[in-house]
PDB file of N, CA and C in Angstrom:
ATOM      1  N   MET A   1       0.794  -1.198   0.000  1.00  0.00           N
ATOM      2  CA  MET A   1       0.000   0.000   0.000  1.00  0.00           C
ATOM      3  C   MET A   1       0.839   1.265   0.000  1.00  0.00           C
ATOM      4  N   SER A   2       2.092   1.155   0.335  1.00  0.00           N
ATOM      5  CA  SER A   2       2.897   2.360   0.379  1.00  0.00           C
ATOM      6  C   SER A   2       3.030   2.941  -1.016  1.00  0.00           C
ATOM      7  N   GLY A   3       2.943   4.253  -1.071  1.00  0.00           N
ATOM      8  CA  GLY A   3       3.046   4.924  -2.355  1.00  0.00           C
ATOM      9  C   GLY A   3       1.725   5.046  -3.088  1.00  0.00           C
ATOM     10  N   THR A   4       0.691   4.430  -2.587  1.00  0.00           N
ATOM     11  CA  THR A   4      -0.612   4.562  -3.232  1.00  0.00           C
ATOM     12  C   THR A   4      -1.508   5.415  -2.366  1.00  0.00           C
ATOM     13  N   GLN A   5      -2.375   6.126  -3.015  1.00  0.00           N
ATOM     14  CA  GLN A   5      -3.285   7.003  -2.304  1.00  0.00           C
ATOM     15  C   GLN A   5      -4.641   6.324  -2.193  1.00  0.00           C
ATOM     16  N   ILE A   6      -5.240   6.400  -1.024  1.00  0.00           N
ATOM     17  CA  ILE A   6      -6.544   5.795  -0.806  1.00  0.00           C
ATOM     18  C   ILE A   6      -7.591   6.902  -0.793  1.00  0.00           C
ATOM     19  N   LEU A   7      -8.608   6.725  -1.606  1.00  0.00           N
ATOM     20  CA  LEU A   7      -9.727   7.662  -1.601  1.00  0.00           C
ATOM     21  C   LEU A   7     -10.656   7.251  -0.467  1.00  0.00           C
ATOM     22  N   ILE A   8     -10.877   8.143   0.467  1.00  0.00           N
ATOM     23  CA  ILE A   8     -11.720   7.833   1.612  1.00  0.00           C
ATOM     24  C   ILE A   8     -13.129   8.324   1.340  1.00  0.00           C
ATOM     25  N   ASP A   9     -14.059   7.384   1.411  1.00  0.00           N
ATOM     26  CA  ASP A   9     -15.461   7.667   1.161  1.00  0.00           C
ATOM     27  C   ASP A   9     -16.185   7.677   2.494  1.00  0.00           C
ATOM     28  N   GLY A  10     -16.838   8.761   2.838  1.00  0.00           N
ATOM     29  CA  GLY A  10     -17.540   8.870   4.110  1.00  0.00           C
ATOM     30  C   GLY A  10     -19.005   8.517   4.026  1.00  0.00           C
ATOM     31  N   ASN A  11     -19.422   7.797   3.022  1.00  0.00           N
ATOM     32  CA  ASN A  11     -20.839   7.502   2.852  1.00  0.00           C
ATOM     33  C   ASN A  11     -21.188   6.048   3.124  1.00  0.00           C
ATOM     34  N   GLY A  12     -20.416   5.393   3.946  1.00  0.00           N
ATOM     35  CA  GLY A  12     -20.682   3.982   4.220  1.00  0.00           C
ATOM     36  C   GLY A  12     -21.490   3.788   5.484  1.00  0.00           C
ATOM     37  N   THR A  13     -21.675   2.529   5.833  1.00  0.00           N
ATOM     38  CA  THR A  13     -22.488   2.206   6.998  1.00  0.00           C
ATOM     39  C   THR A  13     -21.674   1.609   8.141  1.00  0.00           C
ATOM     40  N   LEU A  14     -20.351   1.568   8.015  1.00  0.00           N
ATOM     41  CA  LEU A  14     -19.502   1.027   9.070  1.00  0.00           C
ATOM     42  C   LEU A  14     -19.671   1.873  10.327  1.00  0.00           C
ATOM     43  N   THR A  15     -19.968   1.214  11.441  1.00  0.00           N
ATOM     44  CA  THR A  15     -20.132   1.940  12.694  1.00  0.00           C
ATOM     45  C   THR A  15     -18.873   1.838  13.534  1.00  0.00           C
ATOM     46  N   LEU A  16     -18.768   2.728  14.494  1.00  0.00           N
ATOM     47  CA  LEU A  16     -17.633   2.705  15.407  1.00  0.00           C
ATOM     48  C   LEU A  16     -17.564   1.358  16.121  1.00  0.00           C
ATOM     49  N   ALA A  17     -18.688   0.857  16.573  1.00  0.00           N
ATOM     50  CA  ALA A  17     -18.711  -0.423  17.285  1.00  0.00           C
ATOM     51  C   ALA A  17     -18.217  -1.570  16.393  1.00  0.00           C
ATOM     52  N   GLU A  18     -18.638  -1.582  15.141  1.00  0.00           N
ATOM     53  CA  GLU A  18     -18.205  -2.635  14.217  1.00  0.00           C
ATOM     54  C   GLU A  18     -16.712  -2.566  13.951  1.00  0.00           C
ATOM     55  N   ALA A  19     -16.215  -1.369  13.727  1.00  0.00           N
ATOM     56  CA  ALA A  19     -14.792  -1.203  13.450  1.00  0.00           C
ATOM     57  C   ALA A  19     -13.953  -1.598  14.657  1.00  0.00           C
ATOM     58  N   LEU A  20     -14.365  -1.154  15.837  1.00  0.00           N
ATOM     59  CA  LEU A  20     -13.622  -1.503  17.044  1.00  0.00           C
ATOM     60  C   LEU A  20     -13.705  -3.001  17.337  1.00  0.00           C
ATOM     61  N   ALA A  21     -14.852  -3.605  17.044  1.00  0.00           N
ATOM     62  CA  ALA A  21     -15.000  -5.055  17.258  1.00  0.00           C
ATOM     63  C   ALA A  21     -14.021  -5.830  16.384  1.00  0.00           C
ATOM     64  N   ALA A  22     -13.855  -5.399  15.146  1.00  0.00           N
ATOM     65  CA  ALA A  22     -12.914  -6.065  14.243  1.00  0.00           C
ATOM     66  C   ALA A  22     -11.482  -5.898  14.735  1.00  0.00           C
ATOM     67  N   LEU A  23     -11.125  -4.692  15.159  1.00  0.00           N
ATOM     68  CA  LEU A  23      -9.771  -4.450  15.668  1.00  0.00           C
ATOM     69  C   LEU A  23      -9.540  -5.200  16.979  1.00  0.00           C
ATOM     70  N   ARG A  24     -10.554  -5.259  17.831  1.00  0.00           N
ATOM     71  CA  ARG A  24     -10.434  -6.000  19.089  1.00  0.00           C
ATOM     72  C   ARG A  24     -10.242  -7.499  18.814  1.00  0.00           C
ATOM     73  N   ALA A  25     -10.997  -8.020  17.861  1.00  0.00           N
ATOM     74  CA  ALA A  25     -10.869  -9.437  17.509  1.00  0.00           C
ATOM     75  C   ALA A  25      -9.458  -9.750  17.010  1.00  0.00           C
ATOM     76  N   ALA A  26      -8.895  -8.854  16.216  1.00  0.00           N
ATOM     77  CA  ALA A  26      -7.527  -9.054  15.722  1.00  0.00           C
ATOM     78  C   ALA A  26      -6.530  -9.021  16.874  1.00  0.00           C
ATOM     79  N   ASP A  27      -6.712  -8.096  17.799  1.00  0.00           N
ATOM     80  CA  ASP A  27      -5.830  -7.997  18.958  1.00  0.00           C
ATOM     81  C   ASP A  27      -5.905  -9.273  19.787  1.00  0.00           C
ATOM     82  N   GLU A  28      -7.115  -9.746  20.066  1.00  0.00           N
ATOM     83  CA  GLU A  28      -7.290 -10.955  20.861  1.00  0.00           C
ATOM     84  C   GLU A  28      -6.727 -12.180  20.139  1.00  0.00           C
ATOM     85  N   ALA A  29      -6.919 -12.244  18.840  1.00  0.00           N
ATOM     86  CA  ALA A  29      -6.401 -13.380  18.066  1.00  0.00           C
ATOM     87  C   ALA A  29      -4.877 -13.391  18.075  1.00  0.00           C
ATOM     88  N   ALA A  30      -4.280 -12.224  17.908  1.00  0.00           N
ATOM     89  CA  ALA A  30      -2.814 -12.143  17.923  1.00  0.00           C
ATOM     90  C   ALA A  30      -2.272 -12.567  19.281  1.00  0.00           C
ATOM     91  N   ARG A  31      -2.944 -12.146  20.331  1.00  0.00           N
ATOM     92  CA  ARG A  31      -2.505 -12.542  21.679  1.00  0.00           C
ATOM     93  C   ARG A  31      -2.638 -14.048  21.873  1.00  0.00           C
ATOM     94  N   ALA A  32      -3.739 -14.607  21.388  1.00  0.00           N
ATOM     95  CA  ALA A  32      -3.970 -16.049  21.533  1.00  0.00           C
ATOM     96  C   ALA A  32      -2.965 -16.865  20.724  1.00  0.00           C
ATOM     97  N   ALA A  33      -2.612 -16.375  19.547  1.00  0.00           N
ATOM     98  CA  ALA A  33      -1.682 -17.100  18.682  1.00  0.00           C
ATOM     99  C   ALA A  33      -0.229 -16.926  19.102  1.00  0.00           C
ATOM    100  N   ARG A  34       0.041 -15.902  19.862  1.00  0.00           N
ATOM    101  CA  ARG A  34       1.423 -15.574  20.230  1.00  0.00           C
ATOM    102  C   ARG A  34       2.139 -16.759  20.882  1.00  0.00           C
ATOM    103  N   ARG A  35       1.509 -17.400  21.845  1.00  0.00           N
ATOM    104  CA  ARG A  35       2.154 -18.510  22.557  1.00  0.00           C
ATOM    105  C   ARG A  35       2.524 -19.644  21.605  1.00  0.00           C
ATOM    106  N   ASP A  36       1.565 -20.024  20.743  1.00  0.00           N
ATOM    107  CA  ASP A  36       1.838 -21.105  19.792  1.00  0.00           C
ATOM    108  C   ASP A  36       2.934 -20.711  18.814  1.00  0.00           C
ATOM    109  N   ALA A  37       2.901 -19.462  18.372  1.00  0.00           N
ATOM    110  CA  ALA A  37       3.909 -18.990  17.421  1.00  0.00           C
ATOM    111  C   ALA A  37       5.293 -18.946  18.071  1.00  0.00           C
ATOM    112  N   LEU A  38       5.359 -18.481  19.302  1.00  0.00           N
ATOM    113  CA  LEU A  38       6.655 -18.380  19.973  1.00  0.00           C
ATOM    114  C   LEU A  38       7.272 -19.757  20.235  1.00  0.00           C
ATOM    115  N   LYS A  39       6.453 -20.763  20.428  1.00  0.00           N
ATOM    116  CA  LYS A  39       6.969 -22.121  20.642  1.00  0.00           C
ATOM    117  C   LYS A  39       7.771 -22.610  19.435  1.00  0.00           C
ATOM    118  N   LEU A  40       7.404 -22.127  18.255  1.00  0.00           N
ATOM    119  CA  LEU A  40       8.079 -22.561  17.036  1.00  0.00           C
ATOM    120  C   LEU A  40       9.364 -21.791  16.748  1.00  0.00           C
ATOM    121  N   CYS A  41       9.513 -20.653  17.369  1.00  0.00           N
ATOM    122  CA  CYS A  41      10.669 -19.798  17.090  1.00  0.00           C
ATOM    123  C   CYS A  41      11.952 -20.440  17.589  1.00  0.00           C
ATOM    124  N   GLN A  42      12.964 -20.372  16.746  1.00  0.00           N
ATOM    125  CA  GLN A  42      14.258 -20.945  17.103  1.00  0.00           C
ATOM    126  C   GLN A  42      15.323 -19.877  17.330  1.00  0.00           C
ATOM    127  N   THR A  43      15.051 -18.661  16.889  1.00  0.00           N
ATOM    128  CA  THR A  43      16.033 -17.581  17.062  1.00  0.00           C
ATOM    129  C   THR A  43      15.361 -16.376  17.704  1.00  0.00           C
ATOM    130  N   ASN A  44      16.183 -15.511  18.258  1.00  0.00           N
ATOM    131  CA  ASN A  44      15.652 -14.269  18.832  1.00  0.00           C
ATOM    132  C   ASN A  44      15.030 -13.388  17.755  1.00  0.00           C
ATOM    133  N   GLU A  45      15.580 -13.425  16.553  1.00  0.00           N
ATOM    134  CA  GLU A  45      15.030 -12.626  15.456  1.00  0.00           C
ATOM    135  C   GLU A  45      13.595 -13.065  15.154  1.00  0.00           C
ATOM    136  N   GLU A  46      13.364 -14.360  15.126  1.00  0.00           N
ATOM    137  CA  GLU A  46      12.014 -14.863  14.881  1.00  0.00           C
ATOM    138  C   GLU A  46      11.073 -14.468  16.024  1.00  0.00           C
ATOM    139  N   ARG A  47      11.550 -14.571  17.258  1.00  0.00           N
ATOM    140  CA  ARG A  47      10.736 -14.187  18.411  1.00  0.00           C
ATOM    141  C   ARG A  47      10.380 -12.702  18.339  1.00  0.00           C
ATOM    142  N   CYS A  48      11.345 -11.900  17.968  1.00  0.00           N
ATOM    143  CA  CYS A  48      11.104 -10.452  17.865  1.00  0.00           C
ATOM    144  C   CYS A  48      10.057 -10.131  16.802  1.00  0.00           C
ATOM    145  N   LYS A  49      10.096 -10.828  15.666  1.00  0.00           N
ATOM    146  CA  LYS A  49       9.109 -10.599  14.608  1.00  0.00           C
ATOM    147  C   LYS A  49       7.711 -10.938  15.098  1.00  0.00           C
ATOM    148  N   VAL A  50       7.570 -12.079  15.745  1.00  0.00           N
ATOM    149  CA  VAL A  50       6.264 -12.503  16.243  1.00  0.00           C
ATOM    150  C   VAL A  50       5.747 -11.499  17.276  1.00  0.00           C
ATOM    151  N   LEU A  51       6.598 -11.133  18.223  1.00  0.00           N
ATOM    152  CA  LEU A  51       6.183 -10.188  19.263  1.00  0.00           C
ATOM    153  C   LEU A  51       5.846  -8.824  18.685  1.00  0.00           C
ATOM    154  N   ALA A  52       6.636  -8.367  17.722  1.00  0.00           N
ATOM    155  CA  ALA A  52       6.377  -7.061  17.107  1.00  0.00           C
ATOM    156  C   ALA A  52       5.025  -7.051  16.402  1.00  0.00           C
ATOM    157  N   GLN A  53       4.684  -8.127  15.742  1.00  0.00           N
ATOM    158  CA  GLN A  53       3.409  -8.178  15.043  1.00  0.00           C
ATOM    159  C   GLN A  53       2.245  -8.232  16.020  1.00  0.00           C
ATOM    160  N   CYS A  54       2.410  -8.932  17.119  1.00  0.00           N
ATOM    161  CA  CYS A  54       1.368  -8.940  18.146  1.00  0.00           C
ATOM    162  C   CYS A  54       1.180  -7.535  18.733  1.00  0.00           C
ATOM    163  N   ILE A  55       2.280  -6.862  18.972  1.00  0.00           N
ATOM    164  CA  ILE A  55       2.223  -5.495  19.494  1.00  0.00           C
ATOM    165  C   ILE A  55       1.546  -4.568  18.488  1.00  0.00           C
ATOM    166  N   ASP A  56       1.849  -4.735  17.200  1.00  0.00           N
ATOM    167  CA  ASP A  56       1.219  -3.894  16.171  1.00  0.00           C
ATOM    168  C   ASP A  56      -0.292  -4.060  16.156  1.00  0.00           C
ATOM    169  N   CYS A  57      -0.779  -5.278  16.334  1.00  0.00           N
ATOM    170  CA  CYS A  57      -2.235  -5.495  16.398  1.00  0.00           C
ATOM    171  C   CYS A  57      -2.828  -4.785  17.613  1.00  0.00           C
ATOM    172  N   SER A  58      -2.145  -4.879  18.735  1.00  0.00           N
ATOM    173  CA  SER A  58      -2.621  -4.213  19.948  1.00  0.00           C
ATOM    174  C   SER A  58      -2.619  -2.702  19.778  1.00  0.00           C
ATOM    175  N   LEU A  59      -1.576  -2.180  19.153  1.00  0.00           N
ATOM    176  CA  LEU A  59      -1.498  -0.729  18.944  1.00  0.00           C
ATOM    177  C   LEU A  59      -2.589  -0.228  18.010  1.00  0.00           C
ATOM    178  N   ALA A  60      -2.886  -0.987  16.964  1.00  0.00           N
ATOM    179  CA  ALA A  60      -3.960  -0.571  16.053  1.00  0.00           C
ATOM    180  C   ALA A  60      -5.266  -0.446  16.822  1.00  0.00           C
ATOM    181  N   TYR A  61      -5.521  -1.377  17.713  1.00  0.00           N
ATOM    182  CA  TYR A  61      -6.757  -1.351  18.501  1.00  0.00           C
ATOM    183  C   TYR A  61      -6.745  -0.213  19.523  1.00  0.00           C
ATOM    184  N   THR A  62      -5.673  -0.111  20.307  1.00  0.00           N
ATOM    185  CA  THR A  62      -5.654   0.919  21.346  1.00  0.00           C
ATOM    186  C   THR A  62      -5.606   2.324  20.757  1.00  0.00           C
ATOM    187  N   ASN A  63      -4.921   2.501  19.643  1.00  0.00           N
ATOM    188  CA  ASN A  63      -4.914   3.819  19.000  1.00  0.00           C
ATOM    189  C   ASN A  63      -6.303   4.184  18.490  1.00  0.00           C
ATOM    190  N   ALA A  64      -7.012   3.208  17.938  1.00  0.00           N
ATOM    191  CA  ALA A  64      -8.369   3.461  17.447  1.00  0.00           C
ATOM    192  C   ALA A  64      -9.310   3.809  18.598  1.00  0.00           C
ATOM    193  N   LEU A  65      -9.105   3.202  19.753  1.00  0.00           N
ATOM    194  CA  LEU A  65      -9.952   3.498  20.909  1.00  0.00           C
ATOM    195  C   LEU A  65      -9.853   4.969  21.312  1.00  0.00           C
ATOM    196  N   ARG A  66      -8.692   5.556  21.088  1.00  0.00           N
ATOM    197  CA  ARG A  66      -8.485   6.947  21.477  1.00  0.00           C
ATOM    198  C   ARG A  66      -8.984   7.935  20.428  1.00  0.00           C
ATOM    199  N   LYS A  67      -9.386   7.447  19.299  1.00  0.00           N
ATOM    200  CA  LYS A  67      -9.798   8.323  18.213  1.00  0.00           C
ATOM    201  C   LYS A  67     -11.246   8.041  17.820  1.00  0.00           C
ATOM    202  N   SER A  68     -11.800   8.908  17.036  1.00  0.00           N
ATOM    203  CA  SER A  68     -13.160   8.715  16.537  1.00  0.00           C
ATOM    204  C   SER A  68     -13.111   8.136  15.135  1.00  0.00           C
ATOM    205  N   LEU A  69     -14.117   7.343  14.818  1.00  0.00           N
ATOM    206  CA  LEU A  69     -14.242   6.814  13.466  1.00  0.00           C
ATOM    207  C   LEU A  69     -14.651   7.966  12.555  1.00  0.00           C
ATOM    208  N   LYS A  70     -13.804   8.317  11.608  1.00  0.00           N
ATOM    209  CA  LYS A  70     -14.069   9.461  10.735  1.00  0.00           C
ATOM    210  C   LYS A  70     -14.440   9.039   9.321  1.00  0.00           C
ATOM    211  N   SER A  71     -14.033   7.870   8.914  1.00  0.00           N
ATOM    212  CA  SER A  71     -14.249   7.453   7.534  1.00  0.00           C
ATOM    213  C   SER A  71     -14.947   6.100   7.510  1.00  0.00           C
ATOM    214  N   THR A  72     -15.902   5.985   6.618  1.00  0.00           N
ATOM    215  CA  THR A  72     -16.557   4.703   6.423  1.00  0.00           C
ATOM    216  C   THR A  72     -16.410   4.347   4.956  1.00  0.00           C
ATOM    217  N   GLY A  73     -17.421   3.876   4.333  1.00  0.00           N
ATOM    218  CA  GLY A  73     -17.360   3.556   2.919  1.00  0.00           C
ATOM    219  C   GLY A  73     -17.026   2.098   2.675  1.00  0.00           C
ATOM    220  N   PRO A  74     -17.219   1.657   1.444  1.00  0.00           N
ATOM    221  CA  PRO A  74     -17.024   0.243   1.092  1.00  0.00           C
ATOM    222  C   PRO A  74     -15.630  -0.296   1.414  1.00  0.00           C
ATOM    223  N   LEU A  75     -14.602   0.519   1.229  1.00  0.00           N
ATOM    224  CA  LEU A  75     -13.231   0.072   1.508  1.00  0.00           C
ATOM    225  C   LEU A  75     -13.092  -0.354   2.963  1.00  0.00           C
ATOM    226  N   PHE A  76     -13.491   0.509   3.881  1.00  0.00           N
ATOM    227  CA  PHE A  76     -13.316   0.213   5.295  1.00  0.00           C
ATOM    228  C   PHE A  76     -14.279  -0.867   5.767  1.00  0.00           C
ATOM    229  N   GLU A  77     -15.470  -0.896   5.194  1.00  0.00           N
ATOM    230  CA  GLU A  77     -16.430  -1.943   5.554  1.00  0.00           C
ATOM    231  C   GLU A  77     -15.885  -3.313   5.156  1.00  0.00           C
ATOM    232  N   ARG A  78     -15.290  -3.400   3.980  1.00  0.00           N
ATOM    233  CA  ARG A  78     -14.691  -4.651   3.527  1.00  0.00           C
ATOM    234  C   ARG A  78     -13.518  -5.030   4.425  1.00  0.00           C
ATOM    235  N   GLN A  79     -12.694  -4.050   4.773  1.00  0.00           N
ATOM    236  CA  GLN A  79     -11.542  -4.320   5.632  1.00  0.00           C
ATOM    237  C   GLN A  79     -11.977  -4.810   7.006  1.00  0.00           C
ATOM    238  N   ALA A  80     -13.051  -4.249   7.551  1.00  0.00           N
ATOM    239  CA  ALA A  80     -13.535  -4.686   8.863  1.00  0.00           C
ATOM    240  C   ALA A  80     -14.012  -6.135   8.800  1.00  0.00           C
ATOM    241  N   LYS A  81     -14.733  -6.493   7.745  1.00  0.00           N
ATOM    242  CA  LYS A  81     -15.201  -7.878   7.593  1.00  0.00           C
ATOM    243  C   LYS A  81     -14.018  -8.835   7.429  1.00  0.00           C
ATOM    244  N   GLU A  82     -13.047  -8.445   6.600  1.00  0.00           N
ATOM    245  CA  GLU A  82     -11.869  -9.285   6.376  1.00  0.00           C
ATOM    246  C   GLU A  82     -11.065  -9.454   7.662  1.00  0.00           C
ATOM    247  N   LEU A  83     -10.942  -8.381   8.419  1.00  0.00           N
ATOM    248  CA  LEU A  83     -10.167  -8.433   9.651  1.00  0.00           C
ATOM    249  C   LEU A  83     -10.835  -9.345  10.675  1.00  0.00           C
ATOM    250  N   LYS A  84     -12.135  -9.229  10.807  1.00  0.00           N
ATOM    251  CA  LYS A  84     -12.849 -10.079  11.765  1.00  0.00           C
ATOM    252  C   LYS A  84     -12.728 -11.552  11.366  1.00  0.00           C
ATOM    253  N   ALA A  85     -12.858 -11.848  10.084  1.00  0.00           N
ATOM    254  CA  ALA A  85     -12.715 -13.226   9.609  1.00  0.00           C
ATOM    255  C   ALA A  85     -11.280 -13.721   9.810  1.00  0.00           C
ATOM    256  N   ALA A  86     -10.305 -12.866   9.508  1.00  0.00           N
ATOM    257  CA  ALA A  86      -8.899 -13.241   9.663  1.00  0.00           C
ATOM    258  C   ALA A  86      -8.571 -13.520  11.127  1.00  0.00           C
ATOM    259  N   ALA A  87      -9.169 -12.761  12.034  1.00  0.00           N
ATOM    260  CA  ALA A  87      -8.913 -12.969  13.459  1.00  0.00           C
ATOM    261  C   ALA A  87      -9.357 -14.367  13.882  1.00  0.00           C
ATOM    262  N   GLY A  88     -10.497 -14.790  13.388  1.00  0.00           N
ATOM    263  CA  GLY A  88     -10.956 -16.143  13.693  1.00  0.00           C
ATOM    264  C   GLY A  88     -10.030 -17.200  13.132  1.00  0.00           C
ATOM    265  N   GLU A  89      -9.514 -16.953  11.948  1.00  0.00           N
ATOM    266  CA  GLU A  89      -8.587 -17.890  11.317  1.00  0.00           C
ATOM    267  C   GLU A  89      -7.252 -17.949  12.069  1.00  0.00           C
ATOM    268  N   VAL A  90      -6.805 -16.822  12.603  1.00  0.00           N
ATOM    269  CA  VAL A  90      -5.530 -16.787  13.320  1.00  0.00           C
ATOM    270  C   VAL A  90      -5.576 -17.748  14.502  1.00  0.00           C
ATOM    271  N   VAL A  91      -6.644 -17.675  15.271  1.00  0.00           N
ATOM    272  CA  VAL A  91      -6.757 -18.544  16.442  1.00  0.00           C
ATOM    273  C   VAL A  91      -6.805 -20.010  16.008  1.00  0.00           C
ATOM    274  N   ARG A  92      -7.593 -20.322  14.999  1.00  0.00           N
ATOM    275  CA  ARG A  92      -7.722 -21.696  14.521  1.00  0.00           C
ATOM    276  C   ARG A  92      -6.402 -22.211  13.955  1.00  0.00           C
ATOM    277  N   LYS A  93      -5.785 -21.418  13.086  1.00  0.00           N
ATOM    278  CA  LYS A  93      -4.557 -21.850  12.423  1.00  0.00           C
ATOM    279  C   LYS A  93      -3.354 -21.892  13.367  1.00  0.00           C
ATOM    280  N   SER A  94      -3.371 -21.076  14.417  1.00  0.00           N
ATOM    281  CA  SER A  94      -2.216 -21.047  15.317  1.00  0.00           C
ATOM    282  C   SER A  94      -1.997 -22.399  15.990  1.00  0.00           C
ATOM    283  N   LYS A  95      -3.061 -23.163  16.144  1.00  0.00           N
ATOM    284  CA  LYS A  95      -2.950 -24.489  16.764  1.00  0.00           C
ATOM    285  C   LYS A  95      -2.336 -25.519  15.818  1.00  0.00           C
ATOM    286  N   GLN A  96      -2.263 -25.183  14.524  1.00  0.00           N
ATOM    287  CA  GLN A  96      -1.774 -26.120  13.519  1.00  0.00           C
ATOM    288  C   GLN A  96      -0.444 -25.695  12.903  1.00  0.00           C
ATOM    289  N   LEU A  97       0.189 -24.683  13.457  1.00  0.00           N
ATOM    290  CA  LEU A  97       1.437 -24.176  12.887  1.00  0.00           C
ATOM    291  C   LEU A  97       2.556 -25.202  13.017  1.00  0.00           C
ATOM    292  N   GLU A  98       3.360 -25.281  11.982  1.00  0.00           N
ATOM    293  CA  GLU A  98       4.499 -26.195  12.003  1.00  0.00           C
ATOM    294  C   GLU A  98       5.827 -25.466  11.835  1.00  0.00           C
ATOM    295  N   GLN A  99       5.791 -24.278  11.236  1.00  0.00           N
ATOM    296  CA  GLN A  99       7.027 -23.536  10.993  1.00  0.00           C
ATOM    297  C   GLN A  99       6.862 -22.095  11.455  1.00  0.00           C
ATOM    298  N   THR A 100       7.964 -21.518  11.896  1.00  0.00           N
ATOM    299  CA  THR A 100       7.950 -20.132  12.335  1.00  0.00           C
ATOM    300  C   THR A 100       7.506 -19.204  11.210  1.00  0.00           C
ATOM    301  N   ALA A 101       7.928 -19.482   9.995  1.00  0.00           N
ATOM    302  CA  ALA A 101       7.573 -18.629   8.857  1.00  0.00           C
ATOM    303  C   ALA A 101       6.057 -18.573   8.689  1.00  0.00           C
ATOM    304  N   ASP A 102       5.385 -19.675   8.940  1.00  0.00           N
ATOM    305  CA  ASP A 102       3.926 -19.694   8.846  1.00  0.00           C
ATOM    306  C   ASP A 102       3.306 -18.790   9.914  1.00  0.00           C
ATOM    307  N   ALA A 103       3.863 -18.839  11.118  1.00  0.00           N
ATOM    308  CA  ALA A 103       3.358 -18.002  12.211  1.00  0.00           C
ATOM    309  C   ALA A 103       3.561 -16.526  11.899  1.00  0.00           C
ATOM    310  N   VAL A 104       4.737 -16.194  11.412  1.00  0.00           N
ATOM    311  CA  VAL A 104       5.040 -14.807  11.085  1.00  0.00           C
ATOM    312  C   VAL A 104       4.114 -14.307   9.975  1.00  0.00           C
ATOM    313  N   LYS A 105       3.889 -15.122   8.952  1.00  0.00           N
ATOM    314  CA  LYS A 105       3.011 -14.733   7.852  1.00  0.00           C
ATOM    315  C   LYS A 105       1.575 -14.564   8.335  1.00  0.00           C
ATOM    316  N   LEU A 106       1.116 -15.483   9.161  1.00  0.00           N
ATOM    317  CA  LEU A 106      -0.243 -15.418   9.685  1.00  0.00           C
ATOM    318  C   LEU A 106      -0.465 -14.122  10.462  1.00  0.00           C
ATOM    319  N   LEU A 107       0.459 -13.786  11.323  1.00  0.00           N
ATOM    320  CA  LEU A 107       0.339 -12.558  12.102  1.00  0.00           C
ATOM    321  C   LEU A 107       0.549 -11.322  11.235  1.00  0.00           C
ATOM    322  N   ALA A 108       1.436 -11.400  10.263  1.00  0.00           N
ATOM    323  CA  ALA A 108       1.684 -10.258   9.381  1.00  0.00           C
ATOM    324  C   ALA A 108       0.439  -9.904   8.581  1.00  0.00           C
ATOM    325  N   ASP A 109      -0.278 -10.905   8.119  1.00  0.00           N
ATOM    326  CA  ASP A 109      -1.518 -10.645   7.379  1.00  0.00           C
ATOM    327  C   ASP A 109      -2.538  -9.937   8.271  1.00  0.00           C
ATOM    328  N   THR A 110      -2.617 -10.355   9.522  1.00  0.00           N
ATOM    329  CA  THR A 110      -3.552  -9.730  10.455  1.00  0.00           C
ATOM    330  C   THR A 110      -3.145  -8.294  10.740  1.00  0.00           C
ATOM    331  N   VAL A 111      -1.851  -8.073  10.913  1.00  0.00           N
ATOM    332  CA  VAL A 111      -1.354  -6.715  11.152  1.00  0.00           C
ATOM    333  C   VAL A 111      -1.669  -5.816   9.960  1.00  0.00           C
ATOM    334  N   ARG A 112      -1.468  -6.342   8.759  1.00  0.00           N
ATOM    335  CA  ARG A 112      -1.745  -5.552   7.545  1.00  0.00           C
ATOM    336  C   ARG A 112      -3.210  -5.120   7.513  1.00  0.00           C
ATOM    337  N   LEU A 113      -4.109  -6.046   7.795  1.00  0.00           N
ATOM    338  CA  LEU A 113      -5.532  -5.718   7.790  1.00  0.00           C
ATOM    339  C   LEU A 113      -5.883  -4.728   8.919  1.00  0.00           C
ATOM    340  N   ALA A 114      -5.339  -4.943  10.089  1.00  0.00           N
ATOM    341  CA  ALA A 114      -5.611  -4.046  11.216  1.00  0.00           C
ATOM    342  C   ALA A 114      -5.097  -2.645  10.921  1.00  0.00           C
ATOM    343  N   SER A 115      -3.912  -2.561  10.333  1.00  0.00           N
ATOM    344  CA  SER A 115      -3.352  -1.242   9.999  1.00  0.00           C
ATOM    345  C   SER A 115      -4.206  -0.540   8.940  1.00  0.00           C
ATOM    346  N   SER A 116      -4.694  -1.298   7.964  1.00  0.00           N
ATOM    347  CA  SER A 116      -5.533  -0.701   6.938  1.00  0.00           C
ATOM    348  C   SER A 116      -6.821  -0.157   7.525  1.00  0.00           C
ATOM    349  N   LEU A 117      -7.443  -0.937   8.407  1.00  0.00           N
ATOM    350  CA  LEU A 117      -8.703  -0.488   9.001  1.00  0.00           C
ATOM    351  C   LEU A 117      -8.475   0.686   9.936  1.00  0.00           C
ATOM    352  N   SER A 118      -7.344   0.715  10.620  1.00  0.00           N
ATOM    353  CA  SER A 118      -7.093   1.796  11.570  1.00  0.00           C
ATOM    354  C   SER A 118      -6.995   3.162  10.885  1.00  0.00           C
ATOM    355  N   LYS A 119      -6.818   3.179   9.569  1.00  0.00           N
ATOM    356  CA  LYS A 119      -6.777   4.445   8.824  1.00  0.00           C
ATOM    357  C   LYS A 119      -8.153   5.111   8.774  1.00  0.00           C
ATOM    358  N   ALA A 120      -9.196   4.369   9.144  1.00  0.00           N
ATOM    359  CA  ALA A 120     -10.545   4.943   9.154  1.00  0.00           C
ATOM    360  C   ALA A 120     -10.743   5.859  10.370  1.00  0.00           C
ATOM    361  N   PHE A 121      -9.793   5.813  11.298  1.00  0.00           N
ATOM    362  CA  PHE A 121      -9.892   6.631  12.502  1.00  0.00           C
ATOM    363  C   PHE A 121      -9.004   7.853  12.351  1.00  0.00           C
ATOM    364  N   ALA A 122      -9.516   8.995  12.785  1.00  0.00           N
ATOM    365  CA  ALA A 122      -8.725  10.228  12.669  1.00  0.00           C
ATOM    366  C   ALA A 122      -8.533  10.867  14.013  1.00  0.00           C
TER     367      ALA A 122
END
């Protein structure tokens, strides 16, 4: 997404409660998956990546709590739905992880979605 401009449409139906619920679900999923992901880590670098991604999910949620939802529209509504679904998958998939790279990718995808949705808050 870097280098691209996002057109923010304020005519959607995404509510503050829905957006926060999606970000909260991502935060909770990242926390739940953290233990399973850390068990697979063999180096400090891998542990740092997993922890950093969990922290990023938490920051997206806590930063949004301090701000008001300013933008809605189809983009953010889609991101909220994707984030909520991804959060459920994180918890389910974390129990089946076999490699650290899988854990890092799983959490990175969640962080990407959480960061995208957090742009709806100003």
